[in-house]
PDB file of N, CA and C in Angstrom:
ATOM      1  N   UNK A   1     -41.722   7.118 -53.432  1.00  0.00           N
ATOM      2  CA  UNK A   1     -41.085   6.741 -52.193  1.00  0.00           C
ATOM      3  C   UNK A   1     -39.868   7.418 -51.941  1.00  0.00           C
ATOM      4  N   UNK A   2     -39.089   6.629 -52.256  1.00  0.00           N
ATOM      5  CA  UNK A   2     -37.576   6.620 -52.051  1.00  0.00           C
ATOM      6  C   UNK A   2     -37.284   7.754 -52.443  1.00  0.00           C
ATOM      7  N   UNK A   3     -37.881   8.128 -53.766  1.00  0.00           N
ATOM      8  CA  UNK A   3     -37.490   9.420 -54.435  1.00  0.00           C
ATOM      9  C   UNK A   3     -37.728  10.596 -53.609  1.00  0.00           C
ATOM     10  N   UNK A   4     -38.898  11.081 -53.224  1.00  0.00           N
ATOM     11  CA  UNK A   4     -39.099  11.892 -51.994  1.00  0.00           C
ATOM     12  C   UNK A   4     -38.218  12.421 -50.986  1.00  0.00           C
ATOM     13  N   UNK A   5     -38.038  10.202 -50.387  1.00  0.00           N
ATOM     14  CA  UNK A   5     -36.981  11.313 -49.211  1.00  0.00           C
ATOM     15  C   UNK A   5     -35.573  11.654 -49.972  1.00  0.00           C
ATOM     16  N   UNK A   6     -35.172  11.198 -50.654  1.00  0.00           N
ATOM     17  CA  UNK A   6     -34.012  11.546 -51.413  1.00  0.00           C
ATOM     18  C   UNK A   6     -34.115  12.878 -51.823  1.00  0.00           C
ATOM     19  N   UNK A   7     -35.397  13.575 -52.449  1.00  0.00           N
ATOM     20  CA  UNK A   7     -35.337  15.060 -52.222  1.00  0.00           C
ATOM     21  C   UNK A   7     -35.128  15.576 -51.545  1.00  0.00           C
ATOM     22  N   UNK A   8     -35.711  15.194 -50.004  1.00  0.00           N
ATOM     23  CA  UNK A   8     -36.045  16.379 -48.918  1.00  0.00           C
ATOM     24  C   UNK A   8     -34.564  16.108 -48.693  1.00  0.00           C
ATOM     25  N   UNK A   9     -34.037  15.074 -49.016  1.00  0.00           N
ATOM     26  CA  UNK A   9     -32.468  15.145 -48.045  1.00  0.00           C
ATOM     27  C   UNK A   9     -31.435  14.630 -48.939  1.00  0.00           C
ATOM     28  N   UNK A  10     -31.344  14.735 -49.943  1.00  0.00           N
ATOM     29  CA  UNK A  10     -30.128  14.703 -51.261  1.00  0.00           C
ATOM     30  C   UNK A  10     -28.901  14.224 -50.657  1.00  0.00           C
ATOM     31  N   UNK A  11     -28.341  14.867 -49.246  1.00  0.00           N
ATOM     32  CA  UNK A  11     -26.690  14.322 -49.506  1.00  0.00           C
ATOM     33  C   UNK A  11     -27.052  13.363 -48.263  1.00  0.00           C
ATOM     34  N   UNK A  12     -28.274  12.892 -47.398  1.00  0.00           N
ATOM     35  CA  UNK A  12     -28.310  11.577 -46.627  1.00  0.00           C
ATOM     36  C   UNK A  12     -27.916  12.111 -45.499  1.00  0.00           C
ATOM     37  N   UNK A  13     -28.205  13.448 -44.835  1.00  0.00           N
ATOM     38  CA  UNK A  13     -27.501  14.039 -43.676  1.00  0.00           C
ATOM     39  C   UNK A  13     -28.830  13.294 -42.740  1.00  0.00           C
ATOM     40  N   UNK A  14     -29.649  13.455 -43.243  1.00  0.00           N
ATOM     41  CA  UNK A  14     -30.511  12.627 -41.995  1.00  0.00           C
ATOM     42  C   UNK A  14     -30.448  11.172 -41.431  1.00  0.00           C
ATOM     43  N   UNK A  15     -29.617  10.045 -42.515  1.00  0.00           N
ATOM     44  CA  UNK A  15     -29.137   9.496 -42.217  1.00  0.00           C
ATOM     45  C   UNK A  15     -27.611   9.166 -41.195  1.00  0.00           C
ATOM     46  N   UNK A  16     -26.688  10.321 -41.876  1.00  0.00           N
ATOM     47  CA  UNK A  16     -25.710  10.704 -41.264  1.00  0.00           C
ATOM     48  C   UNK A  16     -26.064  10.645 -39.594  1.00  0.00           C
ATOM     49  N   UNK A  17     -26.922  12.116 -39.264  1.00  0.00           N
ATOM     50  CA  UNK A  17     -27.286  12.432 -38.149  1.00  0.00           C
ATOM     51  C   UNK A  17     -27.695  10.910 -37.620  1.00  0.00           C
ATOM     52  N   UNK A  18     -28.637   9.831 -37.968  1.00  0.00           N
ATOM     53  CA  UNK A  18     -28.947   9.291 -37.276  1.00  0.00           C
ATOM     54  C   UNK A  18     -27.853   8.541 -36.839  1.00  0.00           C
ATOM     55  N   UNK A  19     -26.969   8.422 -37.868  1.00  0.00           N
ATOM     56  CA  UNK A  19     -25.438   7.122 -37.689  1.00  0.00           C
ATOM     57  C   UNK A  19     -24.970   7.854 -36.554  1.00  0.00           C
ATOM     58  N   UNK A  20     -24.534   9.477 -36.849  1.00  0.00           N
ATOM     59  CA  UNK A  20     -23.431   9.820 -35.748  1.00  0.00           C
ATOM     60  C   UNK A  20     -24.378   9.789 -34.303  1.00  0.00           C
ATOM     61  N   UNK A  21     -25.967   9.501 -34.058  1.00  0.00           N
ATOM     62  CA  UNK A  21     -26.330   9.762 -32.879  1.00  0.00           C
ATOM     63  C   UNK A  21     -25.960   7.927 -32.432  1.00  0.00           C
ATOM     64  N   UNK A  22     -25.910   7.149 -33.033  1.00  0.00           N
ATOM     65  CA  UNK A  22     -26.484   6.248 -32.546  1.00  0.00           C
ATOM     66  C   UNK A  22     -24.819   5.855 -32.486  1.00  0.00           C
ATOM     67  N   UNK A  23     -23.625   6.435 -33.055  1.00  0.00           N
ATOM     68  CA  UNK A  23     -22.065   5.935 -32.362  1.00  0.00           C
ATOM     69  C   UNK A  23     -21.902   7.123 -31.401  1.00  0.00           C
ATOM     70  N   UNK A  24     -22.551   8.245 -31.243  1.00  0.00           N
ATOM     71  CA  UNK A  24     -22.269   8.768 -29.903  1.00  0.00           C
ATOM     72  C   UNK A  24     -22.893   7.908 -28.313  1.00  0.00           C
ATOM     73  N   UNK A  25     -24.550   7.068 -29.083  1.00  0.00           N
ATOM     74  CA  UNK A  25     -24.872   6.362 -28.182  1.00  0.00           C
ATOM     75  C   UNK A  25     -23.957   5.026 -27.544  1.00  0.00           C
ATOM     76  N   UNK A  26     -23.315   4.334 -28.475  1.00  0.00           N
ATOM     77  CA  UNK A  26     -22.528   3.338 -28.551  1.00  0.00           C
ATOM     78  C   UNK A  26     -21.348   3.555 -27.724  1.00  0.00           C
ATOM     79  N   UNK A  27     -20.920   4.828 -27.997  1.00  0.00           N
ATOM     80  CA  UNK A  27     -19.484   4.995 -27.784  1.00  0.00           C
ATOM     81  C   UNK A  27     -19.791   5.511 -25.614  1.00  0.00           C
ATOM     82  N   UNK A  28     -21.134   6.361 -25.331  1.00  0.00           N
ATOM     83  CA  UNK A  28     -21.180   6.575 -24.495  1.00  0.00           C
ATOM     84  C   UNK A  28     -21.820   5.333 -23.143  1.00  0.00           C
ATOM     85  N   UNK A  29     -22.178   4.018 -24.335  1.00  0.00           N
ATOM     86  CA  UNK A  29     -22.521   3.423 -23.302  1.00  0.00           C
ATOM     87  C   UNK A  29     -21.071   2.178 -22.652  1.00  0.00           C
ATOM     88  N   UNK A  30     -20.705   2.223 -24.219  1.00  0.00           N
ATOM     89  CA  UNK A  30     -19.146   1.516 -23.800  1.00  0.00           C
ATOM     90  C   UNK A  30     -18.655   2.300 -22.411  1.00  0.00           C
ATOM     91  N   UNK A  31     -18.665   3.334 -22.295  1.00  0.00           N
ATOM     92  CA  UNK A  31     -16.941   4.422 -21.414  1.00  0.00           C
ATOM     93  C   UNK A  31     -18.284   3.449 -20.369  1.00  0.00           C
ATOM     94  N   UNK A  32     -19.557   3.519 -20.553  1.00  0.00           N
ATOM     95  CA  UNK A  32     -20.417   3.415 -19.148  1.00  0.00           C
ATOM     96  C   UNK A  32     -19.775   2.077 -18.555  1.00  0.00           C
ATOM     97  N   UNK A  33     -19.870   1.044 -19.575  1.00  0.00           N
ATOM     98  CA  UNK A  33     -19.706  -0.564 -19.125  1.00  0.00           C
ATOM     99  C   UNK A  33     -17.998  -0.328 -18.933  1.00  0.00           C
ATOM    100  N   UNK A  34     -17.257   0.369 -19.458  1.00  0.00           N
ATOM    101  CA  UNK A  34     -15.976   0.108 -18.682  1.00  0.00           C
ATOM    102  C   UNK A  34     -16.058   1.129 -17.408  1.00  0.00           C
ATOM    103  N   UNK A  35     -16.380   1.852 -17.034  1.00  0.00           N
ATOM    104  CA  UNK A  35     -16.758   2.699 -16.034  1.00  0.00           C
ATOM    105  C   UNK A  35     -16.929   2.164 -14.850  1.00  0.00           C
ATOM    106  N   UNK A  36     -18.219   1.379 -15.324  1.00  0.00           N
ATOM    107  CA  UNK A  36     -18.023  -0.293 -14.424  1.00  0.00           C
ATOM    108  C   UNK A  36     -17.690  -1.159 -13.911  1.00  0.00           C
ATOM    109  N   UNK A  37     -16.708  -1.458 -14.981  1.00  0.00           N
ATOM    110  CA  UNK A  37     -15.779  -2.440 -14.914  1.00  0.00           C
ATOM    111  C   UNK A  37     -15.143  -2.165 -13.410  1.00  0.00           C
ATOM    112  N   UNK A  38     -14.259  -0.731 -13.906  1.00  0.00           N
ATOM    113  CA  UNK A  38     -13.109  -0.503 -13.636  1.00  0.00           C
ATOM    114  C   UNK A  38     -13.804  -0.042 -12.052  1.00  0.00           C
ATOM    115  N   UNK A  39     -14.795   0.462 -11.721  1.00  0.00           N
ATOM    116  CA  UNK A  39     -15.295   0.576 -10.127  1.00  0.00           C
ATOM    117  C   UNK A  39     -15.414  -0.400  -9.564  1.00  0.00           C
ATOM    118  N   UNK A  40     -16.002  -1.882 -10.115  1.00  0.00           N
ATOM    119  CA  UNK A  40     -16.118  -2.721  -9.542  1.00  0.00           C
ATOM    120  C   UNK A  40     -14.364  -3.748  -9.077  1.00  0.00           C
ATOM    121  N   UNK A  41     -13.859  -3.315  -9.749  1.00  0.00           N
ATOM    122  CA  UNK A  41     -12.363  -3.837  -9.960  1.00  0.00           C
ATOM    123  C   UNK A  41     -11.817  -2.780  -8.446  1.00  0.00           C
ATOM    124  N   UNK A  42     -12.091  -1.712  -8.131  1.00  0.00           N
ATOM    125  CA  UNK A  42     -11.334  -0.806  -7.608  1.00  0.00           C
ATOM    126  C   UNK A  42     -11.665  -1.137  -6.245  1.00  0.00           C
ATOM    127  N   UNK A  43     -13.445  -1.365  -6.237  1.00  0.00           N
ATOM    128  CA  UNK A  43     -13.710  -1.628  -5.113  1.00  0.00           C
ATOM    129  C   UNK A  43     -13.454  -3.050  -4.507  1.00  0.00           C
ATOM    130  N   UNK A  44     -12.945  -4.156  -5.419  1.00  0.00           N
ATOM    131  CA  UNK A  44     -12.723  -4.996  -5.225  1.00  0.00           C
ATOM    132  C   UNK A  44     -11.486  -4.664  -4.552  1.00  0.00           C
ATOM    133  N   UNK A  45      -9.852  -4.505  -5.546  1.00  0.00           N
ATOM    134  CA  UNK A  45      -8.973  -4.003  -4.680  1.00  0.00           C
ATOM    135  C   UNK A  45      -8.899  -3.301  -3.662  1.00  0.00           C
ATOM    136  N   UNK A  46      -9.729  -2.581  -3.246  1.00  0.00           N
ATOM    137  CA  UNK A  46      -9.737  -1.729  -1.992  1.00  0.00           C
ATOM    138  C   UNK A  46     -10.397  -2.422  -0.671  1.00  0.00           C
ATOM    139  N   UNK A  47     -11.320  -3.175  -1.131  1.00  0.00           N
ATOM    140  CA  UNK A  47     -11.223  -4.600   0.187  1.00  0.00           C
ATOM    141  C   UNK A  47     -10.708  -5.311   0.096  1.00  0.00           C
ATOM    142  N   UNK A  48     -10.152  -5.706  -0.818  1.00  0.00           N
ATOM    143  CA  UNK A  48      -8.554  -6.540  -0.463  1.00  0.00           C
ATOM    144  C   UNK A  48      -7.064  -5.807   0.666  1.00  0.00           C
ATOM    145  N   UNK A  49      -7.491  -4.946  -0.090  1.00  0.00           N
ATOM    146  CA  UNK A  49      -6.217  -3.695   0.542  1.00  0.00           C
ATOM    147  C   UNK A  49      -6.891  -3.813   2.233  1.00  0.00           C
ATOM    148  N   UNK A  50      -8.016  -3.152   2.860  1.00  0.00           N
ATOM    149  CA  UNK A  50      -8.541  -3.448   3.804  1.00  0.00           C
ATOM    150  C   UNK A  50      -8.409  -4.586   4.809  1.00  0.00           C
ATOM    151  N   UNK A  51      -8.683  -5.681   3.841  1.00  0.00           N
ATOM    152  CA  UNK A  51      -8.623  -6.790   4.272  1.00  0.00           C
ATOM    153  C   UNK A  51      -7.142  -7.192   4.891  1.00  0.00           C
ATOM    154  N   UNK A  52      -6.222  -7.232   4.164  1.00  0.00           N
ATOM    155  CA  UNK A  52      -4.650  -7.334   4.215  1.00  0.00           C
ATOM    156  C   UNK A  52      -4.419  -6.329   5.128  1.00  0.00           C
ATOM    157  N   UNK A  53      -4.539  -5.196   5.335  1.00  0.00           N
ATOM    158  CA  UNK A  53      -4.107  -4.468   6.237  1.00  0.00           C
ATOM    159  C   UNK A  53      -4.622  -4.706   7.827  1.00  0.00           C
ATOM    160  N   UNK A  54      -5.864  -5.133   7.963  1.00  0.00           N
ATOM    161  CA  UNK A  54      -6.520  -5.742   9.280  1.00  0.00           C
ATOM    162  C   UNK A  54      -5.602  -6.560   9.566  1.00  0.00           C
ATOM    163  N   UNK A  55      -5.520  -7.622   8.658  1.00  0.00           N
ATOM    164  CA  UNK A  55      -4.216  -8.552   8.605  1.00  0.00           C
ATOM    165  C   UNK A  55      -3.481  -8.222   9.101  1.00  0.00           C
ATOM    166  N   UNK A  56      -2.519  -7.450   8.458  1.00  0.00           N
ATOM    167  CA  UNK A  56      -1.301  -6.988   9.087  1.00  0.00           C
ATOM    168  C   UNK A  56      -1.702  -6.770  10.623  1.00  0.00           C
ATOM    169  N   UNK A  57      -2.420  -5.704  10.568  1.00  0.00           N
ATOM    170  CA  UNK A  57      -2.627  -5.092  12.121  1.00  0.00           C
ATOM    171  C   UNK A  57      -2.571  -6.026  13.482  1.00  0.00           C
ATOM    172  N   UNK A  58      -3.273  -6.902  12.491  1.00  0.00           N
ATOM    173  CA  UNK A  58      -3.502  -8.388  13.791  1.00  0.00           C
ATOM    174  C   UNK A  58      -2.268  -8.852  14.402  1.00  0.00           C
ATOM    175  N   UNK A  59      -1.360  -9.161  13.199  1.00  0.00           N
ATOM    176  CA  UNK A  59      -0.264  -9.545  13.152  1.00  0.00           C
ATOM    177  C   UNK A  59       0.386  -8.779  13.981  1.00  0.00           C
ATOM    178  N   UNK A  60       0.656  -7.453  13.762  1.00  0.00           N
ATOM    179  CA  UNK A  60       1.431  -6.392  14.553  1.00  0.00           C
ATOM    180  C   UNK A  60       1.136  -6.750  15.944  1.00  0.00           C
ATOM    181  N   UNK A  61      -0.664  -6.423  16.024  1.00  0.00           N
ATOM    182  CA  UNK A  61      -0.719  -6.511  17.714  1.00  0.00           C
ATOM    183  C   UNK A  61       0.193  -7.516  18.379  1.00  0.00           C
ATOM    184  N   UNK A  62      -0.084  -8.836  18.101  1.00  0.00           N
ATOM    185  CA  UNK A  62       0.554 -10.269  18.475  1.00  0.00           C
ATOM    186  C   UNK A  62       1.966  -9.821  18.724  1.00  0.00           C
ATOM    187  N   UNK A  63       2.928  -9.371  17.400  1.00  0.00           N
ATOM    188  CA  UNK A  63       4.452  -9.108  17.544  1.00  0.00           C
ATOM    189  C   UNK A  63       4.374  -8.257  18.410  1.00  0.00           C
ATOM    190  N   UNK A  64       3.709  -7.327  18.720  1.00  0.00           N
ATOM    191  CA  UNK A  64       4.281  -6.003  19.960  1.00  0.00           C
ATOM    192  C   UNK A  64       3.319  -7.029  21.327  1.00  0.00           C
ATOM    193  N   UNK A  65       2.757  -7.896  21.153  1.00  0.00           N
ATOM    194  CA  UNK A  65       2.483  -8.768  22.461  1.00  0.00           C
ATOM    195  C   UNK A  65       3.681  -9.767  23.391  1.00  0.00           C
ATOM    196  N   UNK A  66       4.302  -9.918  21.770  1.00  0.00           N
ATOM    197  CA  UNK A  66       5.219 -11.131  22.379  1.00  0.00           C
ATOM    198  C   UNK A  66       6.521 -10.105  22.729  1.00  0.00           C
ATOM    199  N   UNK A  67       6.838  -8.970  22.567  1.00  0.00           N
ATOM    200  CA  UNK A  67       7.874  -7.999  22.725  1.00  0.00           C
ATOM    201  C   UNK A  67       7.909  -7.986  23.930  1.00  0.00           C
ATOM    202  N   UNK A  68       6.603  -7.420  24.360  1.00  0.00           N
ATOM    203  CA  UNK A  68       5.991  -7.135  25.148  1.00  0.00           C
ATOM    204  C   UNK A  68       6.701  -8.079  26.401  1.00  0.00           C
ATOM    205  N   UNK A  69       6.137  -9.208  25.783  1.00  0.00           N
ATOM    206  CA  UNK A  69       6.342 -10.215  27.101  1.00  0.00           C
ATOM    207  C   UNK A  69       8.497 -10.485  27.178  1.00  0.00           C
ATOM    208  N   UNK A  70       8.988 -10.328  25.783  1.00  0.00           N
ATOM    209  CA  UNK A  70      10.505 -10.094  26.269  1.00  0.00           C
ATOM    210  C   UNK A  70      10.990  -9.488  26.899  1.00  0.00           C
ATOM    211  N   UNK A  71      10.607  -7.716  26.651  1.00  0.00           N
ATOM    212  CA  UNK A  71      11.151  -7.131  27.728  1.00  0.00           C
ATOM    213  C   UNK A  71      10.553  -6.830  28.686  1.00  0.00           C
ATOM    214  N   UNK A  72       9.608  -7.844  29.405  1.00  0.00           N
ATOM    215  CA  UNK A  72       9.767  -8.386  31.160  1.00  0.00           C
ATOM    216  C   UNK A  72      10.514  -9.268  30.798  1.00  0.00           C
ATOM    217  N   UNK A  73      10.946 -10.014  30.220  1.00  0.00           N
ATOM    218  CA  UNK A  73      12.091 -11.447  30.654  1.00  0.00           C
ATOM    219  C   UNK A  73      13.247 -10.564  30.476  1.00  0.00           C
ATOM    220  N   UNK A  74      13.596  -9.548  29.858  1.00  0.00           N
ATOM    221  CA  UNK A  74      14.567  -8.944  30.054  1.00  0.00           C
ATOM    222  C   UNK A  74      14.869  -8.268  31.316  1.00  0.00           C
ATOM    223  N   UNK A  75      13.943  -7.363  31.974  1.00  0.00           N
ATOM    224  CA  UNK A  75      13.763  -6.865  33.003  1.00  0.00           C
ATOM    225  C   UNK A  75      14.290  -7.312  33.834  1.00  0.00           C
ATOM    226  N   UNK A  76      13.262  -8.521  34.291  1.00  0.00           N
ATOM    227  CA  UNK A  76      13.750  -9.958  34.928  1.00  0.00           C
ATOM    228  C   UNK A  76      15.286 -10.206  35.037  1.00  0.00           C
ATOM    229  N   UNK A  77      15.524 -10.611  33.789  1.00  0.00           N
ATOM    230  CA  UNK A  77      17.452 -10.860  33.313  1.00  0.00           C
ATOM    231  C   UNK A  77      18.401  -9.550  33.920  1.00  0.00           C
ATOM    232  N   UNK A  78      17.965  -8.851  33.844  1.00  0.00           N
ATOM    233  CA  UNK A  78      18.337  -7.604  34.277  1.00  0.00           C
ATOM    234  C   UNK A  78      18.341  -7.174  35.763  1.00  0.00           C
ATOM    235  N   UNK A  79      17.381  -7.460  36.546  1.00  0.00           N
ATOM    236  CA  UNK A  79      17.155  -7.922  37.677  1.00  0.00           C
ATOM    237  C   UNK A  79      18.187  -8.659  38.630  1.00  0.00           C
ATOM    238  N   UNK A  80      18.421  -9.584  37.919  1.00  0.00           N
ATOM    239  CA  UNK A  80      19.082 -10.831  38.222  1.00  0.00           C
ATOM    240  C   UNK A  80      20.503 -10.310  38.203  1.00  0.00           C
ATOM    241  N   UNK A  81      21.118  -9.885  36.790  1.00  0.00           N
ATOM    242  CA  UNK A  81      22.250  -9.661  37.085  1.00  0.00           C
ATOM    243  C   UNK A  81      22.505  -8.361  37.979  1.00  0.00           C
ATOM    244  N   UNK A  82      21.959  -7.714  38.094  1.00  0.00           N
ATOM    245  CA  UNK A  82      22.261  -6.872  39.038  1.00  0.00           C
ATOM    246  C   UNK A  82      22.450  -7.535  40.494  1.00  0.00           C
ATOM    247  N   UNK A  83      21.654  -8.167  41.204  1.00  0.00           N
ATOM    248  CA  UNK A  83      21.718  -9.009  41.910  1.00  0.00           C
ATOM    249  C   UNK A  83      23.099  -9.491  42.331  1.00  0.00           C
ATOM    250  N   UNK A  84      23.642 -10.525  41.346  1.00  0.00           N
ATOM    251  CA  UNK A  84      24.297 -11.086  40.911  1.00  0.00           C
ATOM    252  C   UNK A  84      26.019  -9.782  41.010  1.00  0.00           C
ATOM    253  N   UNK A  85      26.163  -8.463  40.222  1.00  0.00           N
ATOM    254  CA  UNK A  85      27.275  -7.427  40.644  1.00  0.00           C
ATOM    255  C   UNK A  85      26.690  -7.336  42.340  1.00  0.00           C
ATOM    256  N   UNK A  86      25.855  -6.955  42.676  1.00  0.00           N
ATOM    257  CA  UNK A  86      25.943  -6.390  44.019  1.00  0.00           C
ATOM    258  C   UNK A  86      26.306  -7.944  45.028  1.00  0.00           C
ATOM    259  N   UNK A  87      26.378  -8.383  44.649  1.00  0.00           N
ATOM    260  CA  UNK A  87      26.995 -10.275  45.457  1.00  0.00           C
ATOM    261  C   UNK A  87      28.288 -10.178  45.240  1.00  0.00           C
ATOM    262  N   UNK A  88      28.416  -9.863  43.696  1.00  0.00           N
ATOM    263  CA  UNK A  88      30.203  -9.682  43.855  1.00  0.00           C
ATOM    264  C   UNK A  88      30.755  -9.031  44.680  1.00  0.00           C
ATOM    265  N   UNK A  89      30.145  -7.779  44.805  1.00  0.00           N
ATOM    266  CA  UNK A  89      30.579  -6.680  45.804  1.00  0.00           C
ATOM    267  C   UNK A  89      31.120  -6.966  46.920  1.00  0.00           C
ATOM    268  N   UNK A  90      29.763  -8.072  47.256  1.00  0.00           N
ATOM    269  CA  UNK A  90      29.739  -8.460  48.847  1.00  0.00           C
ATOM    270  C   UNK A  90      30.681  -9.368  48.988  1.00  0.00           C
ATOM    271  N   UNK A  91      31.039 -10.163  47.856  1.00  0.00           N
ATOM    272  CA  UNK A  91      32.034 -11.464  47.922  1.00  0.00           C
ATOM    273  C   UNK A  91      33.331 -10.821  47.693  1.00  0.00           C
ATOM    274  N   UNK A  92      33.370  -9.654  46.845  1.00  0.00           N
ATOM    275  CA  UNK A  92      34.872  -9.110  46.965  1.00  0.00           C
ATOM    276  C   UNK A  92      35.288  -8.396  48.112  1.00  0.00           C
ATOM    277  N   UNK A  93      34.188  -7.649  49.049  1.00  0.00           N
ATOM    278  CA  UNK A  93      34.639  -7.130  50.499  1.00  0.00           C
ATOM    279  C   UNK A  93      34.948  -8.038  51.402  1.00  0.00           C
ATOM    280  N   UNK A  94      34.281  -9.390  51.277  1.00  0.00           N
ATOM    281  CA  UNK A  94      34.394 -10.266  52.483  1.00  0.00           C
ATOM    282  C   UNK A  94      36.428 -11.165  52.398  1.00  0.00           C
ATOM    283  N   UNK A  95      36.387 -10.591  50.897  1.00  0.00           N
ATOM    284  CA  UNK A  95      37.337 -11.565  50.316  1.00  0.00           C
ATOM    285  C   UNK A  95      38.916 -10.576  51.125  1.00  0.00           C
ATOM    286  N   UNK A  96      38.718  -9.121  51.194  1.00  0.00           N
ATOM    287  CA  UNK A  96      39.129  -8.037  51.554  1.00  0.00           C
ATOM    288  C   UNK A  96      39.342  -8.226  53.338  1.00  0.00           C
ATOM    289  N   UNK A  97      38.344  -8.591  53.617  1.00  0.00           N
ATOM    290  CA  UNK A  97      38.156  -8.641  55.338  1.00  0.00           C
ATOM    291  C   UNK A  97      38.702  -9.813  55.496  1.00  0.00           C
ATOM    292  N   UNK A  98      38.849 -11.293  54.810  1.00  0.00           N
ATOM    293  CA  UNK A  98      39.044 -12.018  55.692  1.00  0.00           C
ATOM    294  C   UNK A  98      40.677 -12.490  55.328  1.00  0.00           C
ATOM    295  N   UNK A  99      41.276 -11.706  53.980  1.00  0.00           N
ATOM    296  CA  UNK A  99      42.735 -11.429  53.950  1.00  0.00           C
ATOM    297  C   UNK A  99      42.747 -10.598  55.227  1.00  0.00           C
ATOM    298  N   UNK A 100      42.670  -9.422  55.470  1.00  0.00           N
ATOM    299  CA  UNK A 100      42.996  -8.481  56.767  1.00  0.00           C
ATOM    300  C   UNK A 100      43.083  -9.563  58.169  1.00  0.00           C
ATOM    301  N   UNK A 101      42.086 -10.125  57.753  1.00  0.00           N
ATOM    302  CA  UNK A 101      41.945 -11.606  59.577  1.00  0.00           C
ATOM    303  C   UNK A 101      42.959 -12.118  58.844  1.00  0.00           C
ATOM    304  N   UNK A 102      43.156 -12.880  58.243  1.00  0.00           N
ATOM    305  CA  UNK A 102      44.300 -13.674  58.058  1.00  0.00           C
ATOM    306  C   UNK A 102      45.804 -13.100  58.061  1.00  0.00           C
ATOM    307  N   UNK A 103      45.670 -11.450  57.839  1.00  0.00           N
ATOM    308  CA  UNK A 103      47.110 -11.159  57.879  1.00  0.00           C
ATOM    309  C   UNK A 103      47.734 -10.749  59.357  1.00  0.00           C
ATOM    310  N   UNK A 104      46.082 -10.318  60.090  1.00  0.00           N
ATOM    311  CA  UNK A 104      46.187  -9.970  61.608  1.00  0.00           C
ATOM    312  C   UNK A 104      46.768 -11.800  62.409  1.00  0.00           C
ATOM    313  N   UNK A 105      45.903 -13.054  62.066  1.00  0.00           N
ATOM    314  CA  UNK A 105      45.826 -13.747  62.797  1.00  0.00           C
ATOM    315  C   UNK A 105      47.620 -14.121  63.031  1.00  0.00           C
ATOM    316  N   UNK A 106      48.343 -13.842  61.144  1.00  0.00           N
ATOM    317  CA  UNK A 106      49.518 -14.416  60.960  1.00  0.00           C
ATOM    318  C   UNK A 106      50.646 -13.794  61.809  1.00  0.00           C
ATOM    319  N   UNK A 107      50.258 -12.121  62.150  1.00  0.00           N
ATOM    320  CA  UNK A 107      51.193 -11.443  62.448  1.00  0.00           C
ATOM    321  C   UNK A 107      51.339 -12.033  63.882  1.00  0.00           C
ATOM    322  N   UNK A 108      50.225 -12.385  64.538  1.00  0.00           N
ATOM    323  CA  UNK A 108      50.415 -12.951  66.446  1.00  0.00           C
ATOM    324  C   UNK A 108      50.841 -13.850  66.423  1.00  0.00           C
TER     325      UNK A 108
END
């Protein structure tokens, strides 16, 4: 029996082909396994990035709201300073008028 198979395939090509097919099968299996692991890892990273991006956007929205509040306060302060500048102009003008009146009364 063994002799018959050796006579049919004296160089062991059938066994070599079988071993080669098995090796290719194992390589493909390993590549698929690595591909699945890589896909899972990339999917997890993508999920983390999206979640982090969403959190960053939420923080950004909160910061923008805070900036808007600060801008409103700055506008109010600027308006108050403008009022003070206008009041200073009135006071300076009033001082000039009072000074003229004092000068006129002192001459009389």
